[in-house]
Amino acid sequence: MRGDALQLKAADHVIGRHKASAALYTPDERVRRDSTRWTLVQGLLAPFQFVVFLVSLALVLRSLTTGEGAFAADVSVVVKTVTLYAIMVTGSIWEKVVFGKWLFARAFFWEDVFSMLVLALHTAYLIMLFGNFGSFEQRMQIALAGYLAYIVNATQFLLKLRAARLQAECEGAGA
């Protein structure tokens, strides 16, 4: 019996610690998150950006492997970059509404840091394209590096979304 009580106490400690450290939103932040239209905008832009990414990735890889479709690949990377800028601007507005900071709010600090890398790589691609710097292959390598960074960043956000859902479930169960 004493061992069971000890295990239960340890489980309560872990759950309590987890709950405190994993809380993404305060109650007020959650209300702001749920009431702002920017949450819907982000919810629509994120899957759209992912579809644009998949199409562009296919065009870039096709162009690099076959030597055909360079124009289509370039256009697709530009569209992906414009979509990225749109989600970053609207995401920054969302962050300001929910957390009171344009970027680097406590709950999304590392996601924002990595987003800056994604933006930098996509911007470097645009500079190469419109400044006529480097070869097509070099531009596409930068685009692919940006896409790899985007995959990591998208994964970060998906994990945060999952954590927010788990937080809501834990709070719902505890209520």
N, C-alpha and C. Protein backbone atom coordinates (compact mmCIF):
# COMPACT_ATOMS: atom_id res chain seq x y z
N MET A 1 0.82 -1.19 0.00
CA MET A 1 0.00 0.00 0.00
C MET A 1 0.86 1.25 0.00
N ARG A 2 1.92 1.22 0.78
CA ARG A 2 2.79 2.39 0.86
C ARG A 2 3.46 2.66 -0.49
N GLY A 3 3.86 1.61 -1.21
CA GLY A 3 4.46 1.77 -2.53
C GLY A 3 3.49 2.40 -3.52
N ASP A 4 2.22 1.99 -3.44
CA ASP A 4 1.21 2.59 -4.32
C ASP A 4 1.05 4.07 -4.04
N ALA A 5 1.02 4.41 -2.77
CA ALA A 5 0.88 5.81 -2.40
C ALA A 5 2.08 6.62 -2.88
N LEU A 6 3.26 6.03 -2.78
CA LEU A 6 4.47 6.70 -3.24
C LEU A 6 4.43 6.92 -4.75
N GLN A 7 4.00 5.88 -5.49
CA GLN A 7 3.89 6.03 -6.95
C GLN A 7 2.87 7.09 -7.32
N LEU A 8 1.74 7.10 -6.63
CA LEU A 8 0.71 8.08 -6.91
C LEU A 8 1.22 9.49 -6.64
N LYS A 9 1.94 9.65 -5.53
CA LYS A 9 2.50 10.95 -5.19
C LYS A 9 3.50 11.40 -6.25
N ALA A 10 4.34 10.48 -6.73
CA ALA A 10 5.31 10.81 -7.78
C ALA A 10 4.58 11.17 -9.07
N ALA A 11 3.52 10.44 -9.40
CA ALA A 11 2.75 10.74 -10.61
C ALA A 11 2.11 12.12 -10.49
N ASP A 12 1.56 12.44 -9.33
CA ASP A 12 0.97 13.76 -9.13
C ASP A 12 2.03 14.85 -9.30
N HIS A 13 3.23 14.60 -8.78
CA HIS A 13 4.31 15.58 -8.90
C HIS A 13 4.67 15.80 -10.38
N VAL A 14 4.80 14.72 -11.13
CA VAL A 14 5.15 14.83 -12.55
C VAL A 14 4.04 15.54 -13.31
N ILE A 15 2.80 15.16 -13.06
CA ILE A 15 1.68 15.80 -13.74
C ILE A 15 1.63 17.27 -13.38
N GLY A 16 1.77 17.58 -12.12
CA GLY A 16 1.75 18.97 -11.69
C GLY A 16 2.88 19.77 -12.31
N ARG A 17 4.07 19.20 -12.33
CA ARG A 17 5.22 19.90 -12.93
C ARG A 17 5.01 20.06 -14.42
N HIS A 18 4.55 19.00 -15.06
CA HIS A 18 4.31 19.04 -16.50
C HIS A 18 3.27 20.10 -16.83
N LYS A 19 2.21 20.12 -16.05
CA LYS A 19 1.13 21.05 -16.29
C LYS A 19 1.63 22.48 -16.16
N ALA A 20 2.44 22.75 -15.15
CA ALA A 20 2.94 24.11 -14.93
C ALA A 20 3.93 24.51 -16.00
N SER A 21 4.81 23.60 -16.41
CA SER A 21 5.84 23.98 -17.37
C SER A 21 5.33 23.98 -18.80
N ALA A 22 4.28 23.21 -19.07
CA ALA A 22 3.80 23.09 -20.44
C ALA A 22 2.64 24.03 -20.75
N ALA A 23 2.20 24.81 -19.78
CA ALA A 23 1.07 25.70 -20.01
C ALA A 23 1.46 26.75 -21.05
N LEU A 24 0.87 26.62 -22.22
CA LEU A 24 1.18 27.56 -23.29
C LEU A 24 0.43 28.88 -23.13
N TYR A 25 -0.78 28.78 -22.60
CA TYR A 25 -1.63 29.95 -22.51
C TYR A 25 -2.13 30.13 -21.08
N THR A 26 -2.13 31.36 -20.65
CA THR A 26 -2.84 31.69 -19.42
C THR A 26 -4.33 31.70 -19.77
N PRO A 27 -5.19 31.70 -18.80
CA PRO A 27 -6.63 31.77 -19.13
C PRO A 27 -6.98 32.99 -20.00
N ASP A 28 -6.40 34.14 -19.70
CA ASP A 28 -6.67 35.35 -20.50
C ASP A 28 -6.14 35.21 -21.93
N GLU A 29 -4.95 34.63 -22.07
CA GLU A 29 -4.39 34.42 -23.41
C GLU A 29 -5.26 33.45 -24.21
N ARG A 30 -5.77 32.44 -23.55
CA ARG A 30 -6.62 31.47 -24.24
C ARG A 30 -7.90 32.14 -24.75
N VAL A 31 -8.47 33.02 -23.93
CA VAL A 31 -9.67 33.75 -24.35
C VAL A 31 -9.35 34.63 -25.56
N ARG A 32 -8.22 35.33 -25.50
CA ARG A 32 -7.83 36.18 -26.64
C ARG A 32 -7.56 35.33 -27.88
N ARG A 33 -6.89 34.18 -27.70
CA ARG A 33 -6.62 33.27 -28.82
C ARG A 33 -7.92 32.81 -29.47
N ASP A 34 -8.87 32.42 -28.65
CA ASP A 34 -10.12 31.87 -29.17
C ASP A 34 -11.04 32.92 -29.75
N SER A 35 -10.85 34.19 -29.38
CA SER A 35 -11.78 35.23 -29.84
C SER A 35 -11.25 36.06 -31.00
N THR A 36 -9.98 35.95 -31.33
CA THR A 36 -9.45 36.76 -32.42
C THR A 36 -9.62 36.07 -33.77
N ARG A 37 -9.92 36.87 -34.79
CA ARG A 37 -10.04 36.32 -36.15
C ARG A 37 -8.69 35.85 -36.69
N TRP A 38 -7.61 36.31 -36.07
CA TRP A 38 -6.28 35.94 -36.55
C TRP A 38 -5.98 34.47 -36.31
N THR A 39 -6.66 33.86 -35.35
CA THR A 39 -6.51 32.42 -35.14
C THR A 39 -7.06 31.67 -36.34
N LEU A 40 -8.21 32.10 -36.84
CA LEU A 40 -8.78 31.49 -38.05
C LEU A 40 -7.89 31.73 -39.25
N VAL A 41 -7.37 32.94 -39.39
CA VAL A 41 -6.48 33.26 -40.51
C VAL A 41 -5.27 32.32 -40.49
N GLN A 42 -4.68 32.14 -39.32
CA GLN A 42 -3.53 31.24 -39.21
C GLN A 42 -3.93 29.80 -39.51
N GLY A 43 -5.10 29.42 -39.04
CA GLY A 43 -5.60 28.07 -39.27
C GLY A 43 -5.86 27.78 -40.74
N LEU A 44 -6.18 28.81 -41.51
CA LEU A 44 -6.39 28.64 -42.96
C LEU A 44 -5.07 28.75 -43.74
N LEU A 45 -4.23 29.69 -43.34
CA LEU A 45 -2.97 29.90 -44.07
C LEU A 45 -1.99 28.74 -43.90
N ALA A 46 -1.95 28.15 -42.72
CA ALA A 46 -0.95 27.10 -42.47
C ALA A 46 -1.13 25.90 -43.42
N PRO A 47 -2.32 25.33 -43.56
CA PRO A 47 -2.44 24.21 -44.50
C PRO A 47 -2.27 24.65 -45.95
N PHE A 48 -2.71 25.88 -46.27
CA PHE A 48 -2.50 26.40 -47.63
C PHE A 48 -1.01 26.48 -47.94
N GLN A 49 -0.25 27.03 -46.98
CA GLN A 49 1.19 27.12 -47.18
C GLN A 49 1.81 25.74 -47.35
N PHE A 50 1.31 24.76 -46.63
CA PHE A 50 1.85 23.41 -46.75
C PHE A 50 1.59 22.83 -48.14
N VAL A 51 0.42 23.07 -48.69
CA VAL A 51 0.11 22.60 -50.05
C VAL A 51 1.01 23.30 -51.06
N VAL A 52 1.18 24.61 -50.90
CA VAL A 52 2.09 25.36 -51.78
C VAL A 52 3.50 24.79 -51.68
N PHE A 53 3.93 24.49 -50.47
CA PHE A 53 5.24 23.89 -50.25
C PHE A 53 5.38 22.57 -50.99
N LEU A 54 4.39 21.69 -50.87
CA LEU A 54 4.47 20.37 -51.53
C LEU A 54 4.55 20.51 -53.05
N VAL A 55 3.73 21.38 -53.61
CA VAL A 55 3.77 21.60 -55.06
C VAL A 55 5.12 22.16 -55.47
N SER A 56 5.59 23.16 -54.74
CA SER A 56 6.87 23.77 -55.07
C SER A 56 8.02 22.78 -54.91
N LEU A 57 8.00 22.00 -53.86
CA LEU A 57 9.04 21.00 -53.65
C LEU A 57 9.10 20.04 -54.84
N ALA A 58 7.95 19.60 -55.30
CA ALA A 58 7.90 18.69 -56.45
C ALA A 58 8.47 19.37 -57.69
N LEU A 59 8.12 20.63 -57.91
CA LEU A 59 8.63 21.34 -59.09
C LEU A 59 10.14 21.58 -59.00
N VAL A 60 10.61 21.93 -57.83
CA VAL A 60 12.05 22.16 -57.64
C VAL A 60 12.83 20.86 -57.86
N LEU A 61 12.38 19.79 -57.24
CA LEU A 61 13.07 18.50 -57.40
C LEU A 61 13.02 18.02 -58.85
N ARG A 62 11.88 18.19 -59.50
CA ARG A 62 11.75 17.81 -60.92
C ARG A 62 12.75 18.60 -61.77
N SER A 63 12.83 19.89 -61.51
CA SER A 63 13.73 20.74 -62.29
C SER A 63 15.19 20.37 -62.05
N LEU A 64 15.53 20.09 -60.82
CA LEU A 64 16.92 19.73 -60.52
C LEU A 64 17.29 18.36 -61.09
N THR A 65 16.34 17.44 -61.13
CA THR A 65 16.67 16.09 -61.60
C THR A 65 16.57 15.96 -63.12
N THR A 66 15.67 16.70 -63.75
CA THR A 66 15.48 16.56 -65.20
C THR A 66 16.07 17.71 -66.00
N GLY A 67 16.32 18.83 -65.34
CA GLY A 67 16.80 20.01 -66.06
C GLY A 67 15.67 20.77 -66.75
N GLU A 68 14.44 20.35 -66.54
CA GLU A 68 13.29 20.99 -67.17
C GLU A 68 12.45 21.72 -66.12
N GLY A 69 11.74 22.74 -66.57
CA GLY A 69 10.80 23.43 -65.69
C GLY A 69 11.44 24.41 -64.73
N ALA A 70 12.55 25.01 -65.11
CA ALA A 70 13.23 25.97 -64.22
C ALA A 70 12.33 27.16 -63.91
N PHE A 71 11.63 27.66 -64.92
CA PHE A 71 10.75 28.81 -64.70
C PHE A 71 9.65 28.46 -63.71
N ALA A 72 9.01 27.33 -63.90
CA ALA A 72 7.95 26.89 -62.99
C ALA A 72 8.48 26.71 -61.57
N ALA A 73 9.68 26.17 -61.45
CA ALA A 73 10.28 25.99 -60.13
C ALA A 73 10.51 27.34 -59.46
N ASP A 74 11.07 28.29 -60.22
CA ASP A 74 11.30 29.63 -59.67
C ASP A 74 9.99 30.29 -59.25
N VAL A 75 8.99 30.21 -60.10
CA VAL A 75 7.69 30.82 -59.77
C VAL A 75 7.13 30.17 -58.50
N SER A 76 7.24 28.86 -58.39
CA SER A 76 6.69 28.17 -57.23
C SER A 76 7.40 28.57 -55.94
N VAL A 77 8.70 28.79 -56.02
CA VAL A 77 9.44 29.22 -54.81
C VAL A 77 9.04 30.65 -54.45
N VAL A 78 8.82 31.49 -55.44
CA VAL A 78 8.37 32.86 -55.16
C VAL A 78 6.98 32.81 -54.49
N VAL A 79 6.09 32.00 -55.03
CA VAL A 79 4.75 31.86 -54.42
C VAL A 79 4.86 31.34 -53.00
N LYS A 80 5.71 30.35 -52.77
CA LYS A 80 5.92 29.82 -51.42
C LYS A 80 6.45 30.91 -50.50
N THR A 81 7.36 31.73 -51.00
CA THR A 81 7.95 32.79 -50.18
C THR A 81 6.91 33.87 -49.85
N VAL A 82 6.10 34.25 -50.82
CA VAL A 82 5.04 35.23 -50.56
C VAL A 82 4.05 34.67 -49.52
N THR A 83 3.72 33.39 -49.66
CA THR A 83 2.83 32.75 -48.69
C THR A 83 3.48 32.74 -47.30
N LEU A 84 4.77 32.46 -47.25
CA LEU A 84 5.50 32.49 -45.98
C LEU A 84 5.44 33.87 -45.35
N TYR A 85 5.70 34.91 -46.14
CA TYR A 85 5.63 36.27 -45.61
C TYR A 85 4.23 36.57 -45.08
N ALA A 86 3.20 36.13 -45.80
CA ALA A 86 1.82 36.38 -45.36
C ALA A 86 1.56 35.71 -44.02
N ILE A 87 1.98 34.46 -43.88
CA ILE A 87 1.72 33.77 -42.61
C ILE A 87 2.58 34.35 -41.48
N MET A 88 3.75 34.85 -41.81
CA MET A 88 4.59 35.45 -40.77
C MET A 88 4.02 36.79 -40.31
N VAL A 89 3.53 37.60 -41.22
CA VAL A 89 2.95 38.90 -40.84
C VAL A 89 1.68 38.67 -40.03
N THR A 90 0.79 37.82 -40.52
CA THR A 90 -0.44 37.57 -39.79
C THR A 90 -0.18 36.85 -38.47
N GLY A 91 0.84 35.99 -38.46
CA GLY A 91 1.21 35.31 -37.22
C GLY A 91 1.75 36.28 -36.18
N SER A 92 2.48 37.28 -36.65
CA SER A 92 2.99 38.29 -35.74
C SER A 92 1.84 39.12 -35.15
N ILE A 93 0.85 39.43 -35.98
CA ILE A 93 -0.33 40.14 -35.48
C ILE A 93 -1.05 39.27 -34.45
N TRP A 94 -1.21 37.98 -34.77
CA TRP A 94 -1.84 37.03 -33.84
C TRP A 94 -1.11 37.02 -32.51
N GLU A 95 0.22 36.96 -32.58
CA GLU A 95 1.03 36.91 -31.36
C GLU A 95 0.86 38.19 -30.54
N LYS A 96 0.76 39.32 -31.21
CA LYS A 96 0.55 40.60 -30.52
C LYS A 96 -0.80 40.61 -29.82
N VAL A 97 -1.84 40.13 -30.51
CA VAL A 97 -3.18 40.11 -29.92
C VAL A 97 -3.22 39.15 -28.72
N VAL A 98 -2.65 37.96 -28.89
CA VAL A 98 -2.76 36.93 -27.85
C VAL A 98 -1.79 37.18 -26.69
N PHE A 99 -0.54 37.51 -27.00
CA PHE A 99 0.50 37.60 -25.96
C PHE A 99 0.99 39.01 -25.66
N GLY A 100 0.59 39.98 -26.49
CA GLY A 100 1.03 41.36 -26.26
C GLY A 100 2.41 41.66 -26.81
N LYS A 101 2.97 40.73 -27.60
CA LYS A 101 4.29 40.94 -28.22
C LYS A 101 4.19 40.57 -29.70
N TRP A 102 4.85 41.34 -30.55
CA TRP A 102 4.81 41.06 -31.98
C TRP A 102 5.51 39.75 -32.32
N LEU A 103 6.57 39.45 -31.64
CA LEU A 103 7.34 38.23 -31.86
C LEU A 103 8.02 37.82 -30.56
N PHE A 104 8.47 36.57 -30.54
CA PHE A 104 9.26 36.04 -29.44
C PHE A 104 8.51 36.03 -28.10
N ALA A 105 7.21 35.81 -28.16
CA ALA A 105 6.44 35.62 -26.93
C ALA A 105 6.93 34.34 -26.26
N ARG A 106 6.80 34.31 -24.96
CA ARG A 106 7.28 33.18 -24.15
C ARG A 106 6.89 31.83 -24.74
N ALA A 107 5.65 31.65 -25.09
CA ALA A 107 5.15 30.34 -25.53
C ALA A 107 5.66 29.93 -26.91
N PHE A 108 6.07 30.90 -27.71
CA PHE A 108 6.49 30.58 -29.09
C PHE A 108 7.87 31.13 -29.41
N PHE A 109 8.67 31.31 -28.39
CA PHE A 109 10.00 31.91 -28.59
C PHE A 109 10.84 31.12 -29.60
N TRP A 110 11.02 29.83 -29.37
CA TRP A 110 11.91 29.04 -30.23
C TRP A 110 11.33 28.83 -31.62
N GLU A 111 10.02 28.79 -31.72
CA GLU A 111 9.39 28.70 -33.03
C GLU A 111 9.66 29.98 -33.81
N ASP A 112 9.59 31.13 -33.13
CA ASP A 112 9.88 32.40 -33.80
C ASP A 112 11.35 32.52 -34.18
N VAL A 113 12.22 32.04 -33.32
CA VAL A 113 13.66 32.06 -33.66
C VAL A 113 13.89 31.26 -34.94
N PHE A 114 13.33 30.07 -35.01
CA PHE A 114 13.53 29.24 -36.20
C PHE A 114 12.81 29.83 -37.40
N SER A 115 11.70 30.51 -37.17
CA SER A 115 10.99 31.19 -38.27
C SER A 115 11.89 32.24 -38.91
N MET A 116 12.73 32.88 -38.11
CA MET A 116 13.65 33.88 -38.66
C MET A 116 14.65 33.23 -39.63
N LEU A 117 15.09 32.03 -39.30
CA LEU A 117 15.97 31.30 -40.21
C LEU A 117 15.24 30.97 -41.51
N VAL A 118 14.00 30.50 -41.39
CA VAL A 118 13.20 30.19 -42.58
C VAL A 118 13.05 31.43 -43.44
N LEU A 119 12.72 32.55 -42.82
CA LEU A 119 12.58 33.81 -43.56
C LEU A 119 13.89 34.23 -44.21
N ALA A 120 14.99 34.11 -43.49
CA ALA A 120 16.29 34.50 -44.03
C ALA A 120 16.64 33.68 -45.27
N LEU A 121 16.41 32.38 -45.23
CA LEU A 121 16.73 31.53 -46.38
C LEU A 121 15.83 31.84 -47.58
N HIS A 122 14.55 32.04 -47.32
CA HIS A 122 13.65 32.38 -48.42
C HIS A 122 13.99 33.75 -49.00
N THR A 123 14.36 34.69 -48.14
CA THR A 123 14.75 36.03 -48.60
C THR A 123 16.05 35.96 -49.39
N ALA A 124 16.99 35.13 -48.95
CA ALA A 124 18.24 34.95 -49.71
C ALA A 124 17.93 34.41 -51.10
N TYR A 125 16.98 33.50 -51.19
CA TYR A 125 16.57 32.99 -52.50
C TYR A 125 16.07 34.14 -53.38
N LEU A 126 15.19 34.98 -52.83
CA LEU A 126 14.66 36.11 -53.62
C LEU A 126 15.78 37.04 -54.07
N ILE A 127 16.72 37.31 -53.19
CA ILE A 127 17.85 38.18 -53.55
C ILE A 127 18.64 37.56 -54.69
N MET A 128 18.88 36.27 -54.61
CA MET A 128 19.61 35.58 -55.68
C MET A 128 18.83 35.63 -56.99
N LEU A 129 17.52 35.40 -56.91
CA LEU A 129 16.70 35.39 -58.12
C LEU A 129 16.64 36.76 -58.77
N PHE A 130 16.21 37.75 -58.00
CA PHE A 130 16.00 39.08 -58.58
C PHE A 130 17.30 39.87 -58.76
N GLY A 131 18.34 39.51 -58.03
CA GLY A 131 19.65 40.15 -58.20
C GLY A 131 20.52 39.43 -59.20
N ASN A 132 20.00 38.32 -59.73
CA ASN A 132 20.72 37.51 -60.70
C ASN A 132 22.08 37.05 -60.15
N PHE A 133 22.06 36.57 -58.90
CA PHE A 133 23.26 36.04 -58.25
C PHE A 133 23.24 34.52 -58.30
N GLY A 134 24.36 33.94 -58.58
CA GLY A 134 24.49 32.48 -58.56
C GLY A 134 23.77 31.80 -59.71
N SER A 135 23.92 30.51 -59.74
CA SER A 135 23.30 29.70 -60.80
C SER A 135 21.90 29.26 -60.35
N PHE A 136 21.18 28.70 -61.28
CA PHE A 136 19.87 28.14 -60.97
C PHE A 136 20.00 27.08 -59.87
N GLU A 137 20.98 26.21 -60.01
CA GLU A 137 21.18 25.14 -59.03
C GLU A 137 21.48 25.70 -57.64
N GLN A 138 22.29 26.75 -57.58
CA GLN A 138 22.60 27.36 -56.29
C GLN A 138 21.35 27.97 -55.66
N ARG A 139 20.54 28.62 -56.49
CA ARG A 139 19.28 29.18 -55.99
C ARG A 139 18.39 28.08 -55.44
N MET A 140 18.30 26.99 -56.17
CA MET A 140 17.45 25.89 -55.74
C MET A 140 17.98 25.23 -54.47
N GLN A 141 19.29 25.22 -54.30
CA GLN A 141 19.86 24.68 -53.06
C GLN A 141 19.46 25.55 -51.88
N ILE A 142 19.47 26.86 -52.07
CA ILE A 142 19.01 27.77 -51.01
C ILE A 142 17.52 27.55 -50.75
N ALA A 143 16.75 27.39 -51.82
CA ALA A 143 15.32 27.12 -51.66
C ALA A 143 15.10 25.83 -50.87
N LEU A 144 15.85 24.79 -51.21
CA LEU A 144 15.70 23.52 -50.50
C LEU A 144 16.13 23.63 -49.04
N ALA A 145 17.16 24.41 -48.78
CA ALA A 145 17.57 24.65 -47.39
C ALA A 145 16.43 25.37 -46.64
N GLY A 146 15.82 26.33 -47.30
CA GLY A 146 14.67 27.02 -46.71
C GLY A 146 13.51 26.08 -46.47
N TYR A 147 13.32 25.13 -47.40
CA TYR A 147 12.23 24.17 -47.24
C TYR A 147 12.51 23.20 -46.10
N LEU A 148 13.75 22.81 -45.96
CA LEU A 148 14.11 21.95 -44.83
C LEU A 148 13.86 22.68 -43.51
N ALA A 149 14.28 23.94 -43.45
CA ALA A 149 14.05 24.73 -42.24
C ALA A 149 12.54 24.90 -42.00
N TYR A 150 11.78 25.06 -43.08
CA TYR A 150 10.33 25.17 -42.96
C TYR A 150 9.73 23.89 -42.37
N ILE A 151 10.21 22.73 -42.80
CA ILE A 151 9.70 21.46 -42.26
C ILE A 151 9.95 21.39 -40.75
N VAL A 152 11.14 21.77 -40.33
CA VAL A 152 11.46 21.78 -38.90
C VAL A 152 10.53 22.75 -38.18
N ASN A 153 10.37 23.94 -38.73
CA ASN A 153 9.53 24.96 -38.11
C ASN A 153 8.07 24.54 -38.06
N ALA A 154 7.57 23.95 -39.13
CA ALA A 154 6.19 23.46 -39.15
C ALA A 154 6.00 22.37 -38.09
N THR A 155 7.00 21.53 -37.94
CA THR A 155 6.94 20.49 -36.91
C THR A 155 6.88 21.11 -35.52
N GLN A 156 7.66 22.16 -35.30
CA GLN A 156 7.62 22.86 -34.01
C GLN A 156 6.19 23.34 -33.71
N PHE A 157 5.56 23.95 -34.72
CA PHE A 157 4.22 24.48 -34.51
C PHE A 157 3.20 23.37 -34.31
N LEU A 158 3.35 22.26 -35.04
CA LEU A 158 2.43 21.15 -34.84
C LEU A 158 2.55 20.58 -33.43
N LEU A 159 3.78 20.50 -32.93
CA LEU A 159 3.99 20.04 -31.56
C LEU A 159 3.37 21.01 -30.55
N LYS A 160 3.45 22.31 -30.83
CA LYS A 160 2.82 23.30 -29.96
C LYS A 160 1.31 23.17 -30.00
N LEU A 161 0.77 22.93 -31.17
CA LEU A 161 -0.68 22.73 -31.30
C LEU A 161 -1.12 21.52 -30.48
N ARG A 162 -0.36 20.46 -30.57
CA ARG A 162 -0.66 19.25 -29.79
C ARG A 162 -0.56 19.54 -28.30
N ALA A 163 0.46 20.28 -27.90
CA ALA A 163 0.62 20.62 -26.48
C ALA A 163 -0.55 21.47 -25.99
N ALA A 164 -1.02 22.38 -26.83
CA ALA A 164 -2.16 23.22 -26.46
C ALA A 164 -3.42 22.37 -26.30
N ARG A 165 -3.60 21.40 -27.17
CA ARG A 165 -4.75 20.50 -27.04
C ARG A 165 -4.65 19.66 -25.77
N LEU A 166 -3.45 19.15 -25.48
CA LEU A 166 -3.26 18.38 -24.25
C LEU A 166 -3.52 19.24 -23.02
N GLN A 167 -3.06 20.49 -23.06
CA GLN A 167 -3.29 21.41 -21.96
C GLN A 167 -4.80 21.60 -21.76
N ALA A 168 -5.51 21.80 -22.85
CA ALA A 168 -6.96 22.00 -22.76
C ALA A 168 -7.65 20.75 -22.20
N GLU A 169 -7.18 19.58 -22.61
CA GLU A 169 -7.76 18.33 -22.09
C GLU A 169 -7.49 18.17 -20.60
N CYS A 170 -6.26 18.47 -20.18
CA CYS A 170 -5.90 18.36 -18.76
C CYS A 170 -6.72 19.34 -17.93
N GLU A 171 -6.88 20.55 -18.43
CA GLU A 171 -7.66 21.54 -17.70
C GLU A 171 -9.13 21.17 -17.68
N GLY A 172 -9.61 20.57 -18.79
CA GLY A 172 -11.00 20.13 -18.84
C GLY A 172 -11.26 18.98 -17.89
N ALA A 173 -10.28 18.08 -17.76
CA ALA A 173 -10.42 16.93 -16.87
C ALA A 173 -10.33 17.35 -15.41
N GLY A 174 -9.55 18.39 -15.16
CA GLY A 174 -9.36 18.85 -13.79
C GLY A 174 -10.48 19.74 -13.31
N ALA A 175 -11.32 20.21 -14.24
CA ALA A 175 -12.40 21.13 -13.86
C ALA A 175 -13.59 20.40 -13.29
